[in-house]
């Protein structure tokens, strides 16, 4: 699984933590992102991987078409 897929699955958690308070500049944003990413619990990453596999299987069953309603 690509790191992009994991990032998308975890983005809401990351975004909530990073933007708890106002970010003042790009360096602060970078630091916060690194801090949050390194502090993620392994179980969150494992769940994201598991969900991605479920979604991929649903996509294959749907022949690449819409599948959101079948999850």
PDB file of N, CA and C in Angstrom:
ATOM      1  N   UNK A   1       0.851  -1.170   0.000  1.00  0.00           N
ATOM      2  CA  UNK A   1       0.000   0.000   0.000  1.00  0.00           C
ATOM      3  C   UNK A   1       0.898   1.234   0.000  1.00  0.00           C
ATOM      4  N   UNK A   2       0.488   2.217  -0.755  1.00  0.00           N
ATOM      5  CA  UNK A   2       1.315   3.416  -0.868  1.00  0.00           C
ATOM      6  C   UNK A   2       1.161   4.308   0.352  1.00  0.00           C
ATOM      7  N   UNK A   3       2.180   5.107   0.589  1.00  0.00           N
ATOM      8  CA  UNK A   3       2.112   6.056   1.698  1.00  0.00           C
ATOM      9  C   UNK A   3       1.033   7.100   1.458  1.00  0.00           C
ATOM     10  N   UNK A   4       0.709   7.347   0.189  1.00  0.00           N
ATOM     11  CA  UNK A   4      -0.351   8.301  -0.137  1.00  0.00           C
ATOM     12  C   UNK A   4      -1.685   7.796   0.392  1.00  0.00           C
ATOM     13  N   UNK A   5      -1.956   6.522   0.197  1.00  0.00           N
ATOM     14  CA  UNK A   5      -3.220   5.954   0.670  1.00  0.00           C
ATOM     15  C   UNK A   5      -3.326   6.035   2.187  1.00  0.00           C
ATOM     16  N   UNK A   6      -2.237   5.747   2.869  1.00  0.00           N
ATOM     17  CA  UNK A   6      -2.243   5.840   4.322  1.00  0.00           C
ATOM     18  C   UNK A   6      -2.474   7.277   4.760  1.00  0.00           C
ATOM     19  N   UNK A   7      -1.812   8.222   4.100  1.00  0.00           N
ATOM     20  CA  UNK A   7      -1.985   9.635   4.449  1.00  0.00           C
ATOM     21  C   UNK A   7      -3.426  10.074   4.283  1.00  0.00           C
ATOM     22  N   UNK A   8      -4.067   9.629   3.208  1.00  0.00           N
ATOM     23  CA  UNK A   8      -5.457  10.003   2.989  1.00  0.00           C
ATOM     24  C   UNK A   8      -6.359   9.420   4.066  1.00  0.00           C
ATOM     25  N   UNK A   9      -6.102   8.192   4.453  1.00  0.00           N
ATOM     26  CA  UNK A   9      -6.921   7.551   5.473  1.00  0.00           C
ATOM     27  C   UNK A   9      -6.736   8.203   6.841  1.00  0.00           C
ATOM     28  N   UNK A  10      -5.575   8.730   7.112  1.00  0.00           N
ATOM     29  CA  UNK A  10      -5.269   9.311   8.421  1.00  0.00           C
ATOM     30  C   UNK A  10      -5.358  10.825   8.448  1.00  0.00           C
ATOM     31  N   UNK A  11      -5.629  11.450   7.314  1.00  0.00           N
ATOM     32  CA  UNK A  11      -5.540  12.906   7.237  1.00  0.00           C
ATOM     33  C   UNK A  11      -6.429  13.611   8.243  1.00  0.00           C
ATOM     34  N   UNK A  12      -7.638  13.112   8.476  1.00  0.00           N
ATOM     35  CA  UNK A  12      -8.521  13.813   9.409  1.00  0.00           C
ATOM     36  C   UNK A  12      -7.925  13.848  10.813  1.00  0.00           C
ATOM     37  N   UNK A  13      -7.276  12.766  11.219  1.00  0.00           N
ATOM     38  CA  UNK A  13      -6.630  12.728  12.538  1.00  0.00           C
ATOM     39  C   UNK A  13      -5.452  13.702  12.563  1.00  0.00           C
ATOM     40  N   UNK A  14      -4.640  13.653  11.524  1.00  0.00           N
ATOM     41  CA  UNK A  14      -3.472  14.529  11.445  1.00  0.00           C
ATOM     42  C   UNK A  14      -3.899  15.994  11.420  1.00  0.00           C
ATOM     43  N   UNK A  15      -4.876  16.297  10.585  1.00  0.00           N
ATOM     44  CA  UNK A  15      -5.345  17.676  10.432  1.00  0.00           C
ATOM     45  C   UNK A  15      -5.872  18.229  11.752  1.00  0.00           C
ATOM     46  N   UNK A  16      -6.641  17.416  12.459  1.00  0.00           N
ATOM     47  CA  UNK A  16      -7.202  17.870  13.734  1.00  0.00           C
ATOM     48  C   UNK A  16      -6.086  18.218  14.728  1.00  0.00           C
ATOM     49  N   UNK A  17      -5.071  17.391  14.785  1.00  0.00           N
ATOM     50  CA  UNK A  17      -3.970  17.643  15.722  1.00  0.00           C
ATOM     51  C   UNK A  17      -3.119  18.840  15.307  1.00  0.00           C
ATOM     52  N   UNK A  18      -2.823  18.934  14.029  1.00  0.00           N
ATOM     53  CA  UNK A  18      -1.946  19.997  13.537  1.00  0.00           C
ATOM     54  C   UNK A  18      -2.597  21.367  13.708  1.00  0.00           C
ATOM     55  N   UNK A  19      -3.895  21.443  13.459  1.00  0.00           N
ATOM     56  CA  UNK A  19      -4.570  22.744  13.465  1.00  0.00           C
ATOM     57  C   UNK A  19      -5.340  23.029  14.745  1.00  0.00           C
ATOM     58  N   UNK A  20      -4.910  22.420  15.858  1.00  0.00           N
ATOM     59  CA  UNK A  20      -5.546  22.734  17.140  1.00  0.00           C
ATOM     60  C   UNK A  20      -5.431  24.220  17.450  1.00  0.00           C
ATOM     61  N   UNK A  21      -4.309  24.789  17.092  1.00  0.00           N
ATOM     62  CA  UNK A  21      -4.105  26.230  17.225  1.00  0.00           C
ATOM     63  C   UNK A  21      -3.573  26.758  15.898  1.00  0.00           C
ATOM     64  N   UNK A  22      -3.607  28.058  15.752  1.00  0.00           N
ATOM     65  CA  UNK A  22      -3.190  28.698  14.502  1.00  0.00           C
ATOM     66  C   UNK A  22      -1.726  28.411  14.186  1.00  0.00           C
ATOM     67  N   UNK A  23      -1.465  28.101  12.920  1.00  0.00           N
ATOM     68  CA  UNK A  23      -0.103  27.892  12.442  1.00  0.00           C
ATOM     69  C   UNK A  23       0.398  29.222  11.895  1.00  0.00           C
ATOM     70  N   UNK A  24       1.587  29.638  12.315  1.00  0.00           N
ATOM     71  CA  UNK A  24       2.083  30.961  11.956  1.00  0.00           C
ATOM     72  C   UNK A  24       2.926  31.004  10.691  1.00  0.00           C
ATOM     73  N   UNK A  25       3.600  29.918  10.371  1.00  0.00           N
ATOM     74  CA  UNK A  25       4.424  29.921   9.167  1.00  0.00           C
ATOM     75  C   UNK A  25       4.670  28.488   8.700  1.00  0.00           C
ATOM     76  N   UNK A  26       5.305  28.352   7.554  1.00  0.00           N
ATOM     77  CA  UNK A  26       5.526  27.043   6.952  1.00  0.00           C
ATOM     78  C   UNK A  26       6.441  26.165   7.794  1.00  0.00           C
ATOM     79  N   UNK A  27       7.407  26.762   8.460  1.00  0.00           N
ATOM     80  CA  UNK A  27       8.304  25.983   9.312  1.00  0.00           C
ATOM     81  C   UNK A  27       7.552  25.371  10.493  1.00  0.00           C
ATOM     82  N   UNK A  28       6.659  26.155  11.073  1.00  0.00           N
ATOM     83  CA  UNK A  28       5.853  25.638  12.184  1.00  0.00           C
ATOM     84  C   UNK A  28       4.938  24.520  11.687  1.00  0.00           C
ATOM     85  N   UNK A  29       4.355  24.692  10.525  1.00  0.00           N
ATOM     86  CA  UNK A  29       3.509  23.655   9.946  1.00  0.00           C
ATOM     87  C   UNK A  29       4.313  22.365   9.741  1.00  0.00           C
ATOM     88  N   UNK A  30       5.486  22.487   9.170  1.00  0.00           N
ATOM     89  CA  UNK A  30       6.352  21.330   8.932  1.00  0.00           C
ATOM     90  C   UNK A  30       6.666  20.611  10.244  1.00  0.00           C
ATOM     91  N   UNK A  31       7.021  21.376  11.265  1.00  0.00           N
ATOM     92  CA  UNK A  31       7.344  20.783  12.563  1.00  0.00           C
ATOM     93  C   UNK A  31       6.140  20.057  13.164  1.00  0.00           C
ATOM     94  N   UNK A  32       4.990  20.695  13.076  1.00  0.00           N
ATOM     95  CA  UNK A  32       3.788  20.067  13.625  1.00  0.00           C
ATOM     96  C   UNK A  32       3.434  18.782  12.887  1.00  0.00           C
ATOM     97  N   UNK A  33       3.529  18.818  11.568  1.00  0.00           N
ATOM     98  CA  UNK A  33       3.233  17.621  10.786  1.00  0.00           C
ATOM     99  C   UNK A  33       4.160  16.470  11.157  1.00  0.00           C
ATOM    100  N   UNK A  34       5.431  16.770  11.259  1.00  0.00           N
ATOM    101  CA  UNK A  34       6.396  15.735  11.644  1.00  0.00           C
ATOM    102  C   UNK A  34       6.119  15.200  13.046  1.00  0.00           C
ATOM    103  N   UNK A  35       5.816  16.104  13.953  1.00  0.00           N
ATOM    104  CA  UNK A  35       5.538  15.699  15.335  1.00  0.00           C
ATOM    105  C   UNK A  35       4.306  14.791  15.396  1.00  0.00           C
ATOM    106  N   UNK A  36       3.244  15.188  14.726  1.00  0.00           N
ATOM    107  CA  UNK A  36       2.012  14.392  14.744  1.00  0.00           C
ATOM    108  C   UNK A  36       2.232  13.058  14.050  1.00  0.00           C
ATOM    109  N   UNK A  37       2.883  13.088  12.873  1.00  0.00           N
ATOM    110  CA  UNK A  37       3.103  11.846  12.122  1.00  0.00           C
ATOM    111  C   UNK A  37       3.917  10.851  12.949  1.00  0.00           C
ATOM    112  N   UNK A  38       4.975  11.323  13.584  1.00  0.00           N
ATOM    113  CA  UNK A  38       5.824  10.431  14.382  1.00  0.00           C
ATOM    114  C   UNK A  38       5.119   9.929  15.638  1.00  0.00           C
ATOM    115  N   UNK A  39       4.111  10.657  16.082  1.00  0.00           N
ATOM    116  CA  UNK A  39       3.407  10.277  17.296  1.00  0.00           C
ATOM    117  C   UNK A  39       2.156   9.446  17.073  1.00  0.00           C
ATOM    118  N   UNK A  40       1.836   9.141  15.819  1.00  0.00           N
ATOM    119  CA  UNK A  40       0.645   8.338  15.556  1.00  0.00           C
ATOM    120  C   UNK A  40       0.795   6.943  16.145  1.00  0.00           C
ATOM    121  N   UNK A  41      -0.275   6.465  16.723  1.00  0.00           N
ATOM    122  CA  UNK A  41      -0.253   5.114  17.269  1.00  0.00           C
ATOM    123  C   UNK A  41      -0.279   4.107  16.123  1.00  0.00           C
ATOM    124  N   UNK A  42       0.430   3.028  16.295  1.00  0.00           N
ATOM    125  CA  UNK A  42       0.499   2.002  15.259  1.00  0.00           C
ATOM    126  C   UNK A  42      -0.891   1.449  14.944  1.00  0.00           C
ATOM    127  N   UNK A  43      -1.760   1.388  15.934  1.00  0.00           N
ATOM    128  CA  UNK A  43      -3.109   0.851  15.700  1.00  0.00           C
ATOM    129  C   UNK A  43      -3.879   1.709  14.702  1.00  0.00           C
ATOM    130  N   UNK A  44      -3.673   3.033  14.712  1.00  0.00           N
ATOM    131  CA  UNK A  44      -4.336   3.897  13.731  1.00  0.00           C
ATOM    132  C   UNK A  44      -3.851   3.586  12.314  1.00  0.00           C
ATOM    133  N   UNK A  45      -2.559   3.365  12.186  1.00  0.00           N
ATOM    134  CA  UNK A  45      -2.001   3.030  10.875  1.00  0.00           C
ATOM    135  C   UNK A  45      -2.492   1.659  10.434  1.00  0.00           C
ATOM    136  N   UNK A  46      -2.521   0.703  11.353  1.00  0.00           N
ATOM    137  CA  UNK A  46      -3.022  -0.640  11.035  1.00  0.00           C
ATOM    138  C   UNK A  46      -4.474  -0.590  10.576  1.00  0.00           C
ATOM    139  N   UNK A  47      -5.299   0.193  11.262  1.00  0.00           N
ATOM    140  CA  UNK A  47      -6.702   0.323  10.874  1.00  0.00           C
ATOM    141  C   UNK A  47      -6.842   0.949   9.492  1.00  0.00           C
ATOM    142  N   UNK A  48      -6.011   1.938   9.204  1.00  0.00           N
ATOM    143  CA  UNK A  48      -6.049   2.574   7.885  1.00  0.00           C
ATOM    144  C   UNK A  48      -5.702   1.570   6.792  1.00  0.00           C
ATOM    145  N   UNK A  49      -4.700   0.745   7.047  1.00  0.00           N
ATOM    146  CA  UNK A  49      -4.310  -0.280   6.075  1.00  0.00           C
ATOM    147  C   UNK A  49      -5.448  -1.272   5.888  1.00  0.00           C
ATOM    148  N   UNK A  50      -6.057  -1.708   6.986  1.00  0.00           N
ATOM    149  CA  UNK A  50      -7.166  -2.657   6.903  1.00  0.00           C
ATOM    150  C   UNK A  50      -8.338  -2.065   6.127  1.00  0.00           C
ATOM    151  N   UNK A  51      -8.666  -0.811   6.374  1.00  0.00           N
ATOM    152  CA  UNK A  51      -9.766  -0.164   5.660  1.00  0.00           C
ATOM    153  C   UNK A  51      -9.448  -0.041   4.178  1.00  0.00           C
ATOM    154  N   UNK A  52      -8.213   0.280   3.871  1.00  0.00           N
ATOM    155  CA  UNK A  52      -7.825   0.422   2.466  1.00  0.00           C
ATOM    156  C   UNK A  52      -7.991  -0.899   1.739  1.00  0.00           C
ATOM    157  N   UNK A  53      -7.610  -2.004   2.367  1.00  0.00           N
ATOM    158  CA  UNK A  53      -7.759  -3.316   1.744  1.00  0.00           C
ATOM    159  C   UNK A  53      -9.231  -3.644   1.507  1.00  0.00           C
ATOM    160  N   UNK A  54     -10.092  -3.301   2.450  1.00  0.00           N
ATOM    161  CA  UNK A  54     -11.528  -3.514   2.295  1.00  0.00           C
ATOM    162  C   UNK A  54     -12.077  -2.681   1.141  1.00  0.00           C
ATOM    163  N   UNK A  55     -11.652  -1.426   1.071  1.00  0.00           N
ATOM    164  CA  UNK A  55     -12.118  -0.541   0.004  1.00  0.00           C
ATOM    165  C   UNK A  55     -11.609  -1.005  -1.359  1.00  0.00           C
ATOM    166  N   UNK A  56     -10.381  -1.467  -1.425  1.00  0.00           N
ATOM    167  CA  UNK A  56      -9.827  -1.965  -2.674  1.00  0.00           C
ATOM    168  C   UNK A  56     -10.597  -3.192  -3.147  1.00  0.00           C
ATOM    169  N   UNK A  57     -10.912  -4.098  -2.247  1.00  0.00           N
ATOM    170  CA  UNK A  57     -11.696  -5.285  -2.606  1.00  0.00           C
ATOM    171  C   UNK A  57     -13.076  -4.893  -3.123  1.00  0.00           C
ATOM    172  N   UNK A  58     -13.715  -3.915  -2.488  1.00  0.00           N
ATOM    173  CA  UNK A  58     -15.033  -3.454  -2.935  1.00  0.00           C
ATOM    174  C   UNK A  58     -14.937  -2.831  -4.322  1.00  0.00           C
ATOM    175  N   UNK A  59     -13.877  -2.111  -4.582  1.00  0.00           N
ATOM    176  CA  UNK A  59     -13.665  -1.501  -5.896  1.00  0.00           C
ATOM    177  C   UNK A  59     -13.505  -2.581  -6.965  1.00  0.00           C
ATOM    178  N   UNK A  60     -12.754  -3.622  -6.660  1.00  0.00           N
ATOM    179  CA  UNK A  60     -12.560  -4.723  -7.608  1.00  0.00           C
ATOM    180  C   UNK A  60     -13.885  -5.423  -7.872  1.00  0.00           C
ATOM    181  N   UNK A  61     -14.663  -5.688  -6.809  1.00  0.00           N
ATOM    182  CA  UNK A  61     -15.981  -6.338  -6.979  1.00  0.00           C
ATOM    183  C   UNK A  61     -16.901  -5.493  -7.836  1.00  0.00           C
ATOM    184  N   UNK A  62     -16.773  -4.176  -7.736  1.00  0.00           N
ATOM    185  CA  UNK A  62     -17.623  -3.266  -8.504  1.00  0.00           C
ATOM    186  C   UNK A  62     -17.064  -3.031  -9.907  1.00  0.00           C
ATOM    187  N   UNK A  63     -16.020  -3.740 -10.262  1.00  0.00           N
ATOM    188  CA  UNK A  63     -15.433  -3.577 -11.588  1.00  0.00           C
ATOM    189  C   UNK A  63     -14.839  -2.199 -11.802  1.00  0.00           C
ATOM    190  N   UNK A  64     -14.389  -1.586 -10.725  1.00  0.00           N
ATOM    191  CA  UNK A  64     -13.784  -0.269 -10.819  1.00  0.00           C
ATOM    192  C   UNK A  64     -14.788   0.869 -10.768  1.00  0.00           C
ATOM    193  N   UNK A  65     -16.059   0.532 -10.650  1.00  0.00           N
ATOM    194  CA  UNK A  65     -17.104   1.557 -10.602  1.00  0.00           C
ATOM    195  C   UNK A  65     -17.349   2.039  -9.178  1.00  0.00           C
ATOM    196  N   UNK A  66     -18.466   2.700  -8.988  1.00  0.00           N
ATOM    197  CA  UNK A  66     -18.817   3.221  -7.666  1.00  0.00           C
ATOM    198  C   UNK A  66     -19.083   2.062  -6.714  1.00  0.00           C
ATOM    199  N   UNK A  67     -18.592   2.188  -5.515  1.00  0.00           N
ATOM    200  CA  UNK A  67     -18.744   1.112  -4.528  1.00  0.00           C
ATOM    201  C   UNK A  67     -19.025   1.623  -3.125  1.00  0.00           C
ATOM    202  N   UNK A  68     -19.021   2.941  -2.938  1.00  0.00           N
ATOM    203  CA  UNK A  68     -19.174   3.517  -1.595  1.00  0.00           C
ATOM    204  C   UNK A  68     -20.421   3.007  -0.884  1.00  0.00           C
ATOM    205  N   UNK A  69     -21.496   2.803  -1.629  1.00  0.00           N
ATOM    206  CA  UNK A  69     -22.757   2.387  -1.029  1.00  0.00           C
ATOM    207  C   UNK A  69     -22.751   0.920  -0.601  1.00  0.00           C
ATOM    208  N   UNK A  70     -21.730   0.167  -1.001  1.00  0.00           N
ATOM    209  CA  UNK A  70     -21.670  -1.255  -0.645  1.00  0.00           C
ATOM    210  C   UNK A  70     -20.817  -1.520   0.586  1.00  0.00           C
ATOM    211  N   UNK A  71     -20.189  -0.492   1.113  1.00  0.00           N
ATOM    212  CA  UNK A  71     -19.321  -0.694   2.283  1.00  0.00           C
ATOM    213  C   UNK A  71     -20.110  -0.755   3.559  1.00  0.00           C
TER     214      UNK A  71
END
